[in-house]
């Protein structure tokens, strides 16, 4: 069973966050949702409101996650998109450092929609990989090789997704990477996917 941390900051895209959480949990993975405060606030709350005003109760707040993680890294981290959610994540120095550590250790780094461009571009993780993001968010980012018009791109230890309409395909690739194709097929068939 893999340990996955999903970071939720105010303004996150709900479908991009919760679809992978749901499918990964169906696949028996250990997923923890982590509340990250907005860039202009020190307020600590487990309730995070998404970009469409849907409040979600995270499993843990960032400070507690940091304390629990002091001696080891998770197997995967994930940054859903949405604005200003991605900007709030990108403003957090701890998360940027975590991306670098995960990448250096060959651990899975995942981001979708705005987050590959807004969060991951602040680290070196895109530099030698193919990646995708929400159309137009890649403008002006000289790192790596942006791939347009695909639901997701998986390159080395980096999984990136395009946007809300591709959340299911992205989530299923996430499941396949961590739990294998047999488990992914069971989740696919059990949830009546196309």
Protein backbone atom coordinates (compact mmCIF):
# COMPACT_ATOMS: atom_id res chain seq x y z
CA UNK A 1 0.00 0.00 0.00
CA UNK A 2 1.37 3.39 -1.02
CA UNK A 3 1.17 6.55 1.10
CA UNK A 4 -0.09 9.55 -0.88
CA UNK A 5 -0.44 13.16 0.27
CA UNK A 6 -2.97 15.38 -1.53
CA UNK A 7 -2.57 19.09 -0.82
CA UNK A 8 -5.68 21.30 -0.73
CA UNK A 9 -5.38 25.08 -0.56
CA UNK A 10 -8.27 27.56 -0.74
CA UNK A 11 -9.49 27.78 -4.32
CA UNK A 12 -8.55 24.22 -5.33
CA UNK A 13 -10.46 22.56 -8.18
CA UNK A 14 -12.81 20.12 -6.45
CA UNK A 15 -13.21 17.48 -9.17
CA UNK A 16 -9.43 17.35 -9.71
CA UNK A 17 -8.80 16.86 -6.01
CA UNK A 18 -11.50 14.41 -5.03
CA UNK A 19 -11.59 12.12 -8.07
CA UNK A 20 -8.02 10.87 -7.50
CA UNK A 21 -8.61 10.65 -3.73
CA UNK A 22 -11.73 8.53 -4.30
CA UNK A 23 -10.18 6.16 -6.87
CA UNK A 24 -6.91 5.77 -4.94
CA UNK A 25 -8.85 4.87 -1.79
CA UNK A 26 -10.98 2.39 -3.77
CA UNK A 27 -7.65 0.88 -4.83
CA UNK A 28 -6.67 0.39 -1.18
CA UNK A 29 -4.06 3.14 -1.07
CA UNK A 30 -3.31 5.22 2.03
CA UNK A 31 -4.37 8.73 0.98
CA UNK A 32 -4.19 11.71 3.32
CA UNK A 33 -5.67 15.08 2.38
CA UNK A 34 -3.68 18.00 3.75
CA UNK A 35 -5.08 21.49 4.37
CA UNK A 36 -2.70 24.25 3.25
CA UNK A 37 -3.41 27.85 4.27
CA UNK A 38 -3.81 30.58 1.66
CA UNK A 39 -0.73 32.63 0.82
CA UNK A 40 -1.97 35.69 2.72
CA UNK A 41 -3.15 33.89 5.87
CA UNK A 42 -1.78 32.01 8.84
CA UNK A 43 -5.22 30.60 9.68
CA UNK A 44 -5.04 26.89 10.44
CA UNK A 45 -8.23 25.04 9.54
CA UNK A 46 -9.05 21.56 8.37
CA UNK A 47 -11.90 23.00 6.27
CA UNK A 48 -10.75 24.10 2.83
CA UNK A 49 -13.13 25.75 0.36
CA UNK A 50 -12.65 24.93 -3.31
CA UNK A 51 -12.90 27.20 -6.34
CA UNK A 52 -16.63 26.44 -6.67
CA UNK A 53 -17.39 27.16 -3.02
CA UNK A 54 -17.51 23.52 -1.93
CA UNK A 55 -16.00 23.12 1.56
CA UNK A 56 -13.98 19.95 2.14
CA UNK A 57 -12.71 18.68 5.49
CA UNK A 58 -9.05 17.67 5.09
CA UNK A 59 -7.67 14.74 7.08
CA UNK A 60 -4.86 16.84 8.56
CA UNK A 61 -3.54 20.41 8.54
CA UNK A 62 -0.13 21.11 7.01
CA UNK A 63 1.64 21.72 10.34
CA UNK A 64 0.56 18.31 11.63
CA UNK A 65 1.50 16.66 8.34
CA UNK A 66 4.98 18.18 8.55
CA UNK A 67 5.41 16.84 12.10
CA UNK A 68 4.29 13.34 11.07
CA UNK A 69 6.55 13.36 8.00
CA UNK A 70 9.73 14.38 9.81
CA UNK A 71 11.56 11.09 9.19
CA UNK A 72 10.26 9.77 5.86
CA UNK A 73 8.72 10.80 2.56
CA UNK A 74 5.37 9.61 1.21
CA UNK A 75 5.35 7.47 -1.94
CA UNK A 76 3.51 10.17 -3.89
CA UNK A 77 2.36 13.77 -3.58
CA UNK A 78 -0.40 15.44 -5.56
CA UNK A 79 -1.32 19.07 -6.26
CA UNK A 80 -4.75 19.60 -7.83
CA UNK A 81 -5.26 22.74 -9.89
CA UNK A 82 -7.78 25.52 -9.62
CA UNK A 83 -7.15 29.16 -8.95
CA UNK A 84 -6.22 30.62 -6.60
CA UNK A 85 -5.58 27.15 -5.15
CA UNK A 86 -2.48 26.52 -7.26
CA UNK A 87 -1.09 29.98 -6.41
CA UNK A 88 -1.64 29.31 -2.71
CA UNK A 89 0.26 26.03 -3.00
CA UNK A 90 3.07 27.68 -4.96
CA UNK A 91 3.50 30.33 -2.25
CA UNK A 92 4.31 27.66 0.34
CA UNK A 93 8.10 27.19 0.62
CA UNK A 94 7.71 23.89 2.49
CA UNK A 95 5.74 22.36 -0.40
CA UNK A 96 8.27 23.50 -3.00
CA UNK A 97 11.06 21.96 -0.92
CA UNK A 98 9.02 18.75 -0.59
CA UNK A 99 8.67 18.55 -4.39
CA UNK A 100 12.45 18.82 -4.74
CA UNK A 101 13.05 16.11 -2.12
CA UNK A 102 10.48 13.80 -3.68
CA UNK A 103 12.03 14.27 -7.11
CA UNK A 104 15.58 13.72 -5.85
CA UNK A 105 14.43 10.44 -4.27
CA UNK A 106 12.57 9.22 -7.36
CA UNK A 107 9.19 9.45 -5.61
CA UNK A 108 6.03 10.15 -7.61
CA UNK A 109 5.18 13.85 -8.07
CA UNK A 110 1.72 14.59 -9.49
CA UNK A 111 -0.03 17.81 -10.46
CA UNK A 112 -2.98 18.79 -12.60
CA UNK A 113 -4.44 21.77 -14.46
CA UNK A 114 -2.76 24.99 -13.26
CA UNK A 115 -0.46 23.28 -10.75
CA UNK A 116 2.17 21.89 -13.15
CA UNK A 117 2.75 25.42 -14.47
CA UNK A 118 2.16 27.39 -11.28
CA UNK A 119 3.62 25.07 -8.62
CA UNK A 120 6.04 22.67 -10.31
CA UNK A 121 7.64 25.33 -12.52
CA UNK A 122 9.10 26.80 -9.31
CA UNK A 123 11.14 23.60 -8.87
CA UNK A 124 13.41 21.61 -11.17
CA UNK A 125 10.96 18.74 -11.67
CA UNK A 126 9.78 19.84 -15.14
CA UNK A 127 13.26 20.46 -16.52
CA UNK A 128 13.94 17.16 -18.31
CA UNK A 129 10.45 15.72 -18.63
CA UNK A 130 7.36 15.83 -20.79
CA UNK A 131 4.36 17.36 -19.02
CA UNK A 132 0.94 18.87 -19.60
CA UNK A 133 -1.31 21.43 -17.92
CA UNK A 134 -4.40 23.55 -18.48
CA UNK A 135 -4.27 25.12 -21.97
CA UNK A 136 -2.32 28.38 -22.00
CA UNK A 137 -0.87 27.99 -18.50
CA UNK A 138 2.34 26.72 -20.09
CA UNK A 139 2.98 30.02 -21.91
CA UNK A 140 6.38 31.38 -20.98
CA UNK A 141 7.59 28.25 -19.18
CA UNK A 142 10.84 27.16 -20.87
CA UNK A 143 11.30 23.92 -18.90
CA UNK A 144 10.92 20.44 -20.27
CA UNK A 145 8.59 19.56 -23.10
CA UNK A 146 4.96 20.63 -22.81
CA UNK A 147 2.49 18.25 -24.49
CA UNK A 148 -0.85 19.79 -25.51
CA UNK A 149 -4.28 18.22 -25.97
CA UNK A 150 -3.74 15.04 -23.95
CA UNK A 151 -5.54 14.06 -20.71
CA UNK A 152 -2.29 13.32 -18.85
CA UNK A 153 1.44 12.76 -19.31
CA UNK A 154 3.50 10.28 -17.31
CA UNK A 155 7.28 10.70 -17.62
CA UNK A 156 9.74 9.11 -15.19
CA UNK A 157 8.39 9.99 -11.72
CA UNK A 158 6.14 12.84 -12.90
CA UNK A 159 2.40 12.57 -13.63
CA UNK A 160 0.67 15.70 -14.90
CA UNK A 161 -2.91 16.25 -16.02
CA UNK A 162 -4.67 18.73 -18.27
CA UNK A 163 -7.81 19.84 -16.44
CA UNK A 164 -11.11 19.02 -14.73
CA UNK A 165 -12.59 17.06 -17.63
CA UNK A 166 -9.62 14.70 -17.59
CA UNK A 167 -9.68 14.03 -13.83
CA UNK A 168 -11.02 10.48 -14.21
CA UNK A 169 -8.37 9.43 -16.77
CA UNK A 170 -5.63 11.08 -14.69
CA UNK A 171 -6.87 9.38 -11.51
CA UNK A 172 -6.93 5.98 -13.15
CA UNK A 173 -3.34 6.39 -14.38
CA UNK A 174 -2.42 7.39 -10.80
CA UNK A 175 -4.05 4.16 -9.55
CA UNK A 176 -2.29 2.07 -12.20
CA UNK A 177 1.13 3.51 -11.34
CA UNK A 178 0.78 2.85 -7.61
CA UNK A 179 -1.43 -0.24 -7.44
CA UNK A 180 -0.89 -1.95 -10.79
CA UNK A 181 -3.03 -2.58 -13.85
CA UNK A 182 -5.04 -5.43 -12.29
CA UNK A 183 -6.24 -3.24 -9.41
CA UNK A 184 -6.84 -0.35 -11.83
CA UNK A 185 -9.10 -2.60 -13.92
CA UNK A 186 -11.10 -3.61 -10.83
CA UNK A 187 -11.58 0.06 -9.87
CA UNK A 188 -12.48 0.91 -13.47
CA UNK A 189 -15.04 -1.86 -13.79
CA UNK A 190 -16.41 -1.44 -10.26
CA UNK A 191 -17.09 2.25 -10.78
CA UNK A 192 -18.82 1.79 -14.19
CA UNK A 193 -16.34 3.94 -16.09
CA UNK A 194 -16.51 4.39 -19.84
